[in-house]
N, C-alpha and C. Protein backbone atom coordinates (compact mmCIF):
# COMPACT_ATOMS: atom_id res chain seq x y z
N MET A 1 40.40 50.80 52.09
CA MET A 1 40.05 50.28 50.79
C MET A 1 39.44 48.88 50.98
N THR A 2 38.29 48.66 50.35
CA THR A 2 37.63 47.36 50.45
C THR A 2 38.36 46.33 49.57
N PRO A 3 38.14 45.05 49.83
CA PRO A 3 38.76 44.04 48.97
C PRO A 3 38.35 44.20 47.49
N ARG A 4 37.10 44.60 47.24
CA ARG A 4 36.66 44.80 45.86
C ARG A 4 37.40 45.98 45.22
N GLU A 5 37.53 47.08 45.96
CA GLU A 5 38.27 48.24 45.42
C GLU A 5 39.71 47.87 45.12
N TYR A 6 40.33 47.13 46.04
CA TYR A 6 41.72 46.71 45.84
C TYR A 6 41.83 45.84 44.59
N TRP A 7 40.90 44.90 44.43
CA TRP A 7 40.93 44.00 43.29
C TRP A 7 40.76 44.78 41.98
N VAL A 8 39.80 45.69 41.94
CA VAL A 8 39.57 46.49 40.73
C VAL A 8 40.81 47.30 40.40
N LYS A 9 41.38 47.94 41.42
CA LYS A 9 42.58 48.76 41.19
C LYS A 9 43.70 47.93 40.57
N ASN A 10 43.85 46.69 41.02
CA ASN A 10 44.95 45.86 40.57
C ASN A 10 44.68 45.08 39.29
N ASN A 11 43.43 45.05 38.83
CA ASN A 11 43.11 44.24 37.65
C ASN A 11 42.45 45.00 36.51
N ALA A 12 42.13 46.26 36.70
CA ALA A 12 41.47 47.03 35.64
C ALA A 12 42.34 47.12 34.39
N ALA A 13 43.62 47.31 34.57
CA ALA A 13 44.52 47.43 33.41
C ALA A 13 44.54 46.14 32.60
N ALA A 14 44.50 44.99 33.25
CA ALA A 14 44.49 43.71 32.54
C ALA A 14 43.20 43.56 31.73
N ALA A 15 42.10 44.05 32.28
CA ALA A 15 40.82 43.98 31.55
C ALA A 15 40.85 44.88 30.32
N VAL A 16 41.36 46.09 30.48
CA VAL A 16 41.45 47.03 29.36
C VAL A 16 42.35 46.46 28.27
N GLU A 17 43.49 45.92 28.67
CA GLU A 17 44.43 45.35 27.70
C GLU A 17 43.83 44.14 26.99
N ALA A 18 43.20 43.25 27.72
CA ALA A 18 42.62 42.06 27.11
C ALA A 18 41.46 42.41 26.18
N ALA A 19 40.66 43.39 26.58
CA ALA A 19 39.51 43.79 25.76
C ALA A 19 39.97 44.38 24.44
N GLY A 20 41.03 45.21 24.49
CA GLY A 20 41.55 45.82 23.27
C GLY A 20 40.43 46.38 22.43
N ASP A 21 40.40 46.03 21.15
CA ASP A 21 39.33 46.48 20.27
C ASP A 21 38.37 45.35 19.94
N SER A 22 38.23 44.40 20.86
CA SER A 22 37.40 43.21 20.64
C SER A 22 35.90 43.50 20.64
N GLY A 23 35.51 44.60 21.24
CA GLY A 23 34.08 44.87 21.41
C GLY A 23 33.58 44.46 22.78
N ILE A 24 34.43 43.84 23.58
CA ILE A 24 34.05 43.49 24.95
C ILE A 24 34.34 44.70 25.83
N TYR A 25 33.35 45.11 26.58
CA TYR A 25 33.53 46.25 27.49
C TYR A 25 34.36 45.82 28.68
N PRO A 26 35.45 46.54 28.99
CA PRO A 26 36.25 46.18 30.16
C PRO A 26 35.43 46.12 31.44
N ALA A 27 34.45 46.98 31.57
CA ALA A 27 33.62 46.97 32.78
C ALA A 27 32.85 45.65 32.91
N VAL A 28 32.42 45.10 31.78
CA VAL A 28 31.73 43.81 31.81
C VAL A 28 32.71 42.72 32.23
N MET A 29 33.93 42.78 31.70
CA MET A 29 34.95 41.80 32.08
C MET A 29 35.25 41.87 33.57
N ILE A 30 35.41 43.07 34.07
CA ILE A 30 35.73 43.24 35.49
C ILE A 30 34.58 42.72 36.34
N ALA A 31 33.34 43.09 35.97
CA ALA A 31 32.18 42.63 36.73
C ALA A 31 32.05 41.11 36.69
N ALA A 32 32.26 40.52 35.51
CA ALA A 32 32.17 39.06 35.38
C ALA A 32 33.24 38.38 36.23
N ALA A 33 34.45 38.94 36.21
CA ALA A 33 35.54 38.37 37.00
C ALA A 33 35.23 38.46 38.50
N ILE A 34 34.67 39.58 38.92
CA ILE A 34 34.31 39.74 40.33
C ILE A 34 33.23 38.71 40.70
N LEU A 35 32.20 38.60 39.86
CA LEU A 35 31.11 37.68 40.15
C LEU A 35 31.58 36.23 40.16
N GLU A 36 32.35 35.85 39.16
CA GLU A 36 32.75 34.45 39.00
C GLU A 36 33.88 34.02 39.94
N SER A 37 34.67 34.98 40.44
CA SER A 37 35.84 34.60 41.24
C SER A 37 35.72 34.88 42.73
N SER A 38 34.61 35.46 43.15
CA SER A 38 34.49 35.81 44.57
C SER A 38 34.27 34.58 45.43
N GLY A 39 34.93 34.61 46.56
CA GLY A 39 34.79 33.54 47.55
C GLY A 39 34.59 34.17 48.92
N LEU A 40 34.02 33.43 49.82
CA LEU A 40 33.71 33.92 51.16
C LEU A 40 34.96 33.94 52.03
N VAL A 41 35.27 35.13 52.54
CA VAL A 41 36.41 35.31 53.43
C VAL A 41 35.91 36.15 54.61
N ASN A 42 35.96 35.58 55.81
CA ASN A 42 35.52 36.29 57.02
C ASN A 42 34.13 36.90 56.85
N GLY A 43 33.22 36.13 56.26
CA GLY A 43 31.84 36.58 56.12
C GLY A 43 31.58 37.56 55.00
N GLN A 44 32.55 37.78 54.14
CA GLN A 44 32.41 38.76 53.06
C GLN A 44 32.91 38.14 51.76
N TYR A 45 32.20 38.42 50.65
CA TYR A 45 32.64 37.91 49.35
C TYR A 45 33.77 38.78 48.81
N VAL A 46 34.88 38.13 48.49
CA VAL A 46 36.10 38.81 48.06
C VAL A 46 36.48 38.33 46.66
N PRO A 47 36.66 39.26 45.71
CA PRO A 47 37.09 38.85 44.37
C PRO A 47 38.43 38.12 44.42
N GLY A 48 38.54 37.07 43.62
CA GLY A 48 39.78 36.31 43.55
C GLY A 48 39.94 35.29 44.66
N ALA A 49 38.95 35.14 45.53
CA ALA A 49 39.08 34.24 46.67
C ALA A 49 38.40 32.89 46.47
N SER A 50 37.77 32.66 45.33
CA SER A 50 37.16 31.35 45.10
C SER A 50 38.26 30.31 44.90
N LEU A 51 37.91 29.05 45.10
CA LEU A 51 38.89 27.98 44.87
C LEU A 51 39.36 27.98 43.42
N LEU A 52 38.45 28.26 42.49
CA LEU A 52 38.80 28.26 41.08
C LEU A 52 39.80 29.36 40.76
N ALA A 53 39.60 30.54 41.33
CA ALA A 53 40.53 31.64 41.10
C ALA A 53 41.87 31.37 41.77
N LYS A 54 41.85 30.92 43.01
CA LYS A 54 43.09 30.69 43.76
C LYS A 54 43.91 29.53 43.20
N ASN A 55 43.24 28.46 42.79
CA ASN A 55 43.96 27.25 42.36
C ASN A 55 44.17 27.13 40.86
N ALA A 56 43.45 27.95 40.07
CA ALA A 56 43.55 27.80 38.61
C ALA A 56 43.65 29.13 37.88
N ASN A 57 43.69 30.25 38.60
CA ASN A 57 43.69 31.58 37.97
C ASN A 57 42.55 31.72 36.97
N ASN A 58 41.46 31.01 37.20
CA ASN A 58 40.29 31.09 36.32
C ASN A 58 39.30 32.04 36.98
N TYR A 59 39.21 33.25 36.44
CA TYR A 59 38.37 34.28 37.02
C TYR A 59 37.01 34.40 36.37
N PHE A 60 36.72 33.53 35.37
CA PHE A 60 35.47 33.65 34.63
C PHE A 60 34.64 32.37 34.63
N GLY A 61 35.08 31.37 35.35
CA GLY A 61 34.33 30.12 35.43
C GLY A 61 34.25 29.40 34.09
N ILE A 62 35.26 29.57 33.25
CA ILE A 62 35.23 28.93 31.93
C ILE A 62 35.59 27.45 32.07
N LYS A 63 34.68 26.63 31.59
CA LYS A 63 34.90 25.18 31.65
C LYS A 63 35.78 24.74 30.49
N ALA A 64 36.41 23.61 30.66
CA ALA A 64 37.27 23.04 29.62
C ALA A 64 36.39 22.24 28.65
N SER A 65 36.30 22.73 27.43
CA SER A 65 35.55 22.02 26.40
C SER A 65 36.42 20.88 25.86
N PRO A 66 35.84 19.97 25.08
CA PRO A 66 36.65 18.85 24.56
C PRO A 66 37.89 19.30 23.76
N GLY A 67 37.86 20.46 23.13
CA GLY A 67 39.00 20.93 22.35
C GLY A 67 40.08 21.63 23.15
N TRP A 68 39.85 21.82 24.44
CA TRP A 68 40.81 22.53 25.29
C TRP A 68 42.03 21.65 25.51
N THR A 69 43.22 22.21 25.22
CA THR A 69 44.46 21.43 25.35
C THR A 69 45.30 21.85 26.55
N GLY A 70 44.84 22.86 27.27
CA GLY A 70 45.59 23.32 28.43
C GLY A 70 45.28 22.51 29.68
N ASP A 71 45.85 22.94 30.79
CA ASP A 71 45.63 22.28 32.07
C ASP A 71 44.18 22.46 32.52
N THR A 72 43.72 21.56 33.38
CA THR A 72 42.36 21.62 33.90
C THR A 72 42.35 21.37 35.40
N ILE A 73 41.21 21.67 35.99
CA ILE A 73 40.98 21.41 37.41
C ILE A 73 39.51 21.03 37.57
N ALA A 74 39.25 20.03 38.40
CA ALA A 74 37.88 19.60 38.69
C ALA A 74 37.46 20.20 40.03
N LEU A 75 36.33 20.90 40.02
CA LEU A 75 35.82 21.51 41.24
C LEU A 75 34.29 21.44 41.27
N ARG A 76 33.74 21.41 42.46
CA ARG A 76 32.29 21.48 42.64
C ARG A 76 31.85 22.92 42.33
N THR A 77 30.70 23.04 41.68
CA THR A 77 30.20 24.35 41.29
C THR A 77 28.68 24.35 41.32
N GLY A 78 28.11 25.52 41.48
CA GLY A 78 26.66 25.66 41.45
C GLY A 78 26.19 25.95 40.04
N GLU A 79 25.16 25.26 39.59
CA GLU A 79 24.54 25.47 38.28
C GLU A 79 23.03 25.49 38.46
N TYR A 80 22.35 26.14 37.53
CA TYR A 80 20.90 26.11 37.52
C TYR A 80 20.45 25.16 36.43
N ILE A 81 19.71 24.13 36.82
CA ILE A 81 19.18 23.15 35.89
C ILE A 81 17.67 23.07 36.12
N ASN A 82 16.91 23.33 35.07
CA ASN A 82 15.44 23.37 35.16
C ASN A 82 14.97 24.31 36.28
N GLY A 83 15.66 25.45 36.40
CA GLY A 83 15.26 26.45 37.37
C GLY A 83 15.70 26.19 38.80
N GLN A 84 16.37 25.08 39.04
CA GLN A 84 16.81 24.73 40.39
C GLN A 84 18.33 24.80 40.49
N ARG A 85 18.82 25.38 41.57
CA ARG A 85 20.27 25.43 41.79
C ARG A 85 20.72 24.07 42.32
N VAL A 86 21.71 23.50 41.62
CA VAL A 86 22.26 22.21 42.02
C VAL A 86 23.79 22.33 42.05
N THR A 87 24.41 21.44 42.77
CA THR A 87 25.87 21.39 42.81
C THR A 87 26.34 20.22 41.97
N VAL A 88 27.28 20.52 41.07
CA VAL A 88 27.84 19.51 40.18
C VAL A 88 29.35 19.65 40.18
N THR A 89 30.03 18.66 39.65
CA THR A 89 31.48 18.77 39.46
C THR A 89 31.72 19.23 38.03
N GLY A 90 32.49 20.31 37.90
CA GLY A 90 32.84 20.82 36.59
C GLY A 90 34.33 20.69 36.33
N ILE A 91 34.70 20.54 35.08
CA ILE A 91 36.11 20.52 34.68
C ILE A 91 36.39 21.89 34.07
N PHE A 92 37.26 22.63 34.73
CA PHE A 92 37.51 24.02 34.35
C PHE A 92 38.91 24.19 33.76
N ARG A 93 39.04 25.24 32.96
CA ARG A 93 40.34 25.60 32.41
C ARG A 93 41.22 26.15 33.53
N LYS A 94 42.49 25.86 33.44
CA LYS A 94 43.47 26.33 34.42
C LYS A 94 44.49 27.19 33.66
N TYR A 95 44.82 28.36 34.23
CA TYR A 95 45.71 29.31 33.58
C TYR A 95 46.97 29.57 34.42
N PRO A 96 48.08 29.88 33.74
CA PRO A 96 49.30 30.22 34.50
C PRO A 96 49.17 31.53 35.27
N THR A 97 48.44 32.51 34.70
CA THR A 97 48.33 33.82 35.35
C THR A 97 46.90 34.37 35.23
N VAL A 98 46.61 35.37 36.04
CA VAL A 98 45.32 36.07 35.96
C VAL A 98 45.18 36.72 34.58
N LYS A 99 46.25 37.30 34.09
CA LYS A 99 46.23 37.96 32.77
C LYS A 99 45.84 36.97 31.67
N ASP A 100 46.32 35.73 31.77
CA ASP A 100 45.94 34.70 30.80
C ASP A 100 44.45 34.41 30.86
N SER A 101 43.88 34.45 32.06
CA SER A 101 42.45 34.24 32.22
C SER A 101 41.66 35.33 31.50
N PHE A 102 42.08 36.58 31.65
CA PHE A 102 41.41 37.70 30.98
C PHE A 102 41.51 37.56 29.46
N SER A 103 42.68 37.22 28.97
CA SER A 103 42.87 37.07 27.51
C SER A 103 42.03 35.93 26.97
N ASP A 104 41.97 34.82 27.71
CA ASP A 104 41.19 33.68 27.22
C ASP A 104 39.70 33.95 27.27
N TYR A 105 39.25 34.77 28.20
CA TYR A 105 37.83 35.15 28.26
C TYR A 105 37.42 35.80 26.94
N VAL A 106 38.22 36.75 26.47
CA VAL A 106 37.93 37.42 25.21
C VAL A 106 37.95 36.41 24.07
N ASN A 107 38.99 35.58 24.02
CA ASN A 107 39.10 34.57 22.97
C ASN A 107 37.92 33.60 23.00
N PHE A 108 37.54 33.15 24.18
CA PHE A 108 36.42 32.23 24.34
C PHE A 108 35.14 32.81 23.74
N LEU A 109 34.88 34.07 24.02
CA LEU A 109 33.68 34.72 23.48
C LEU A 109 33.78 34.87 21.97
N GLN A 110 34.97 35.22 21.48
CA GLN A 110 35.14 35.46 20.04
C GLN A 110 35.00 34.18 19.21
N VAL A 111 35.47 33.06 19.70
CA VAL A 111 35.46 31.84 18.89
C VAL A 111 34.16 31.05 19.00
N ASN A 112 33.29 31.41 19.91
CA ASN A 112 32.00 30.74 20.05
C ASN A 112 30.92 31.57 19.36
N PRO A 113 30.40 31.11 18.23
CA PRO A 113 29.47 31.91 17.42
C PRO A 113 28.21 32.34 18.16
N ARG A 114 27.82 31.62 19.19
CA ARG A 114 26.58 31.98 19.87
C ARG A 114 26.66 33.37 20.51
N TYR A 115 27.86 33.81 20.87
CA TYR A 115 27.99 35.13 21.49
C TYR A 115 27.80 36.25 20.47
N ARG A 116 28.36 36.07 19.29
CA ARG A 116 28.16 37.06 18.22
C ARG A 116 26.67 37.08 17.82
N ALA A 117 26.08 35.90 17.70
CA ALA A 117 24.68 35.79 17.30
C ALA A 117 23.75 36.46 18.32
N ALA A 118 24.12 36.43 19.59
CA ALA A 118 23.29 37.03 20.64
C ALA A 118 23.53 38.53 20.78
N GLY A 119 24.48 39.08 20.02
CA GLY A 119 24.72 40.53 20.06
C GLY A 119 25.75 40.98 21.07
N VAL A 120 26.56 40.07 21.58
CA VAL A 120 27.56 40.45 22.58
C VAL A 120 28.51 41.50 22.02
N PHE A 121 28.95 41.33 20.77
CA PHE A 121 29.95 42.24 20.21
C PHE A 121 29.34 43.49 19.58
N SER A 122 28.04 43.52 19.43
CA SER A 122 27.39 44.71 18.86
C SER A 122 26.54 45.44 19.89
N ALA A 123 26.67 45.07 21.14
CA ALA A 123 25.87 45.69 22.20
C ALA A 123 26.15 47.19 22.28
N ALA A 124 25.10 47.96 22.50
CA ALA A 124 25.20 49.41 22.53
C ALA A 124 25.69 49.95 23.87
N GLY A 125 26.08 49.11 24.75
CA GLY A 125 26.60 49.55 26.05
C GLY A 125 26.88 48.34 26.91
N ALA A 126 27.48 48.60 28.05
CA ALA A 126 27.87 47.52 28.95
C ALA A 126 26.65 46.75 29.48
N ALA A 127 25.58 47.47 29.82
CA ALA A 127 24.39 46.79 30.33
C ALA A 127 23.78 45.90 29.26
N ALA A 128 23.74 46.37 28.02
CA ALA A 128 23.21 45.57 26.91
C ALA A 128 24.11 44.36 26.67
N GLN A 129 25.41 44.52 26.86
CA GLN A 129 26.33 43.40 26.68
C GLN A 129 26.09 42.35 27.76
N ALA A 130 25.81 42.78 28.99
CA ALA A 130 25.49 41.83 30.05
C ALA A 130 24.24 41.04 29.70
N ASP A 131 23.22 41.72 29.16
CA ASP A 131 22.00 41.03 28.73
C ASP A 131 22.30 40.03 27.61
N ALA A 132 23.16 40.44 26.66
CA ALA A 132 23.51 39.57 25.53
C ALA A 132 24.27 38.33 26.01
N LEU A 133 25.15 38.49 26.99
CA LEU A 133 25.87 37.34 27.54
C LEU A 133 24.89 36.34 28.15
N GLN A 134 23.91 36.87 28.87
CA GLN A 134 22.92 35.97 29.46
C GLN A 134 22.09 35.31 28.37
N ALA A 135 21.67 36.07 27.37
CA ALA A 135 20.87 35.51 26.28
C ALA A 135 21.63 34.42 25.53
N ALA A 136 22.96 34.56 25.44
CA ALA A 136 23.79 33.57 24.75
C ALA A 136 24.03 32.33 25.59
N GLY A 137 23.67 32.38 26.86
CA GLY A 137 23.84 31.22 27.72
C GLY A 137 25.20 31.13 28.39
N TYR A 138 25.85 32.29 28.60
CA TYR A 138 27.17 32.25 29.23
C TYR A 138 27.11 31.58 30.60
N ALA A 139 26.09 31.90 31.36
CA ALA A 139 25.94 31.34 32.71
C ALA A 139 24.53 30.76 32.84
N THR A 140 24.38 29.79 33.72
CA THR A 140 23.06 29.19 33.92
C THR A 140 22.21 29.97 34.92
N ASP A 141 22.80 30.89 35.66
CA ASP A 141 22.08 31.69 36.65
C ASP A 141 21.10 32.62 35.93
N PRO A 142 19.80 32.50 36.19
CA PRO A 142 18.83 33.36 35.52
C PRO A 142 18.97 34.84 35.87
N ALA A 143 19.69 35.16 36.93
CA ALA A 143 19.89 36.55 37.34
C ALA A 143 21.29 37.04 36.97
N TYR A 144 21.99 36.35 36.08
CA TYR A 144 23.38 36.68 35.75
C TYR A 144 23.53 38.12 35.27
N ALA A 145 22.75 38.55 34.29
CA ALA A 145 22.86 39.91 33.76
C ALA A 145 22.57 40.95 34.85
N LYS A 146 21.56 40.69 35.64
CA LYS A 146 21.20 41.62 36.73
C LYS A 146 22.37 41.77 37.71
N LYS A 147 23.02 40.66 38.03
CA LYS A 147 24.16 40.69 38.95
C LYS A 147 25.34 41.45 38.34
N LEU A 148 25.61 41.23 37.05
CA LEU A 148 26.69 41.97 36.39
C LEU A 148 26.41 43.47 36.43
N LYS A 149 25.19 43.86 36.12
CA LYS A 149 24.84 45.29 36.10
C LYS A 149 24.99 45.91 37.49
N SER A 150 24.61 45.18 38.51
CA SER A 150 24.75 45.68 39.88
C SER A 150 26.23 45.89 40.23
N ILE A 151 27.07 44.93 39.84
CA ILE A 151 28.50 45.06 40.11
C ILE A 151 29.08 46.23 39.31
N MET A 152 28.67 46.37 38.03
CA MET A 152 29.17 47.49 37.22
C MET A 152 28.82 48.84 37.83
N GLU A 153 27.63 48.93 38.35
CA GLU A 153 27.22 50.18 39.01
C GLU A 153 28.11 50.44 40.23
N ASP A 154 28.40 49.39 40.97
CA ASP A 154 29.22 49.51 42.17
C ASP A 154 30.67 49.90 41.86
N ILE A 155 31.22 49.38 40.75
CA ILE A 155 32.64 49.61 40.46
C ILE A 155 32.91 50.84 39.60
N ALA A 156 31.87 51.48 39.10
CA ALA A 156 32.07 52.61 38.17
C ALA A 156 33.00 53.68 38.75
N GLU A 157 32.95 53.89 40.04
CA GLU A 157 33.79 54.90 40.68
C GLU A 157 35.16 54.36 41.09
N MET A 158 35.38 53.06 40.93
CA MET A 158 36.62 52.45 41.42
C MET A 158 37.72 52.35 40.38
N ILE A 159 37.42 52.63 39.13
CA ILE A 159 38.43 52.47 38.09
C ILE A 159 39.58 53.44 38.37
N PRO A 160 40.78 52.92 38.49
CA PRO A 160 41.92 53.79 38.83
C PRO A 160 42.15 54.89 37.80
N ARG A 161 42.36 56.10 38.28
CA ARG A 161 42.59 57.26 37.39
C ARG A 161 43.82 57.07 36.52
N GLU A 162 44.84 56.38 37.05
CA GLU A 162 46.05 56.19 36.24
C GLU A 162 45.78 55.31 35.03
N ILE A 163 44.79 54.42 35.13
CA ILE A 163 44.41 53.61 33.97
C ILE A 163 43.81 54.52 32.91
N VAL A 164 42.95 55.41 33.35
CA VAL A 164 42.32 56.34 32.42
C VAL A 164 43.38 57.23 31.78
N ALA A 165 44.31 57.73 32.58
CA ALA A 165 45.33 58.63 32.06
C ALA A 165 46.36 57.92 31.20
N ALA A 166 46.62 56.66 31.50
CA ALA A 166 47.73 55.98 30.84
C ALA A 166 47.38 55.24 29.58
N GLY A 167 46.36 55.26 28.99
CA GLY A 167 46.23 54.48 27.77
C GLY A 167 44.81 54.36 27.33
N ALA A 168 43.91 54.29 28.25
CA ALA A 168 42.54 54.13 27.82
C ALA A 168 41.91 55.48 27.52
N GLY A 169 42.43 56.53 28.12
CA GLY A 169 42.03 57.91 27.80
C GLY A 169 40.55 58.15 27.74
N LEU A 170 40.14 58.87 26.70
CA LEU A 170 38.75 59.27 26.56
C LEU A 170 37.82 58.07 26.40
N PHE A 171 38.33 56.98 25.77
CA PHE A 171 37.51 55.79 25.61
C PHE A 171 37.04 55.29 26.97
N PHE A 172 37.95 55.21 27.91
CA PHE A 172 37.61 54.66 29.23
C PHE A 172 36.71 55.61 30.00
N LEU A 173 36.93 56.91 29.87
CA LEU A 173 36.04 57.88 30.52
C LEU A 173 34.63 57.75 29.95
N ALA A 174 34.55 57.62 28.63
CA ALA A 174 33.24 57.45 27.99
C ALA A 174 32.59 56.14 28.45
N LEU A 175 33.40 55.11 28.60
CA LEU A 175 32.90 53.83 29.05
C LEU A 175 32.28 53.95 30.44
N ILE A 176 32.95 54.62 31.33
CA ILE A 176 32.43 54.81 32.68
C ILE A 176 31.11 55.56 32.64
N ALA A 177 31.05 56.60 31.82
CA ALA A 177 29.81 57.37 31.68
C ALA A 177 28.69 56.48 31.12
N LEU A 178 29.02 55.67 30.11
CA LEU A 178 28.02 54.77 29.53
C LEU A 178 27.52 53.76 30.55
N ILE A 179 28.44 53.21 31.33
CA ILE A 179 28.05 52.25 32.35
C ILE A 179 27.03 52.89 33.28
N TYR A 180 27.37 54.08 33.74
CA TYR A 180 26.50 54.77 34.68
C TYR A 180 25.13 55.01 34.08
N LEU A 181 25.10 55.52 32.84
CA LEU A 181 23.83 55.83 32.20
C LEU A 181 23.03 54.59 31.86
N LYS A 182 23.68 53.56 31.32
CA LYS A 182 22.98 52.35 30.91
C LYS A 182 22.47 51.55 32.10
N VAL A 183 23.24 51.51 33.18
CA VAL A 183 22.82 50.75 34.35
C VAL A 183 21.64 51.43 35.03
N ARG A 184 21.58 52.74 34.94
CA ARG A 184 20.48 53.51 35.55
C ARG A 184 19.15 53.33 34.80
N GLN A 185 19.18 52.84 33.56
CA GLN A 185 17.95 52.70 32.76
C GLN A 185 17.03 51.66 33.33
C-alpha cells in the first residue's frame, strides 16, 4: 500500500463526515488535503508529512484571518504573486486534530461569501467544484484546479469499501462515478 492509499483509507471517513450535506464533495476535500499537506519523505510526496500538517494538523493550508481566535503557527510557504512563485511567511490556523481541520475547511468555505458566489456549493460535480475553488481564489497556484482533478482521478479507486458500505452508501458510489466521468472530460 502506498502512503497515499494509506492516507486515503484512514481519512476518507473524516472527509465524508465533515462534508455532510454542505455541498462540498468529499473527493475534493480529500484531494485538497493531499495537495496541501504533502511533504517530501525519502524522495516521495506523502500526504500529512508537511510541517503544517505535522505541527498544526492543518491539512488545507488555511491561514489565520484577523477574526481567528484559535491557535496559530508561523511557517514559510510558497505563494504565487504576479505569476511568480515566491516564499513568504504565513500565519496558519492550528487544530487539535485532523478531524477538526476537515470540519473547519467546510466552515471556512461556508462563511466566506466568495466561495458561494464562485459556484463552489452549486458545482455540478467534483471537477467543477475544483474549478470554482480556483475561481474563488482559494489558492494562489494557477494550476490548483488541475492538480486537484489529477489527484481525484488517482484516488477514485482508493476509497475504502467499508466507507461506502457504512454510511455513505449510494451517494458515495455515485460520487466516485461522477469523479471519474467529470475528470475524464
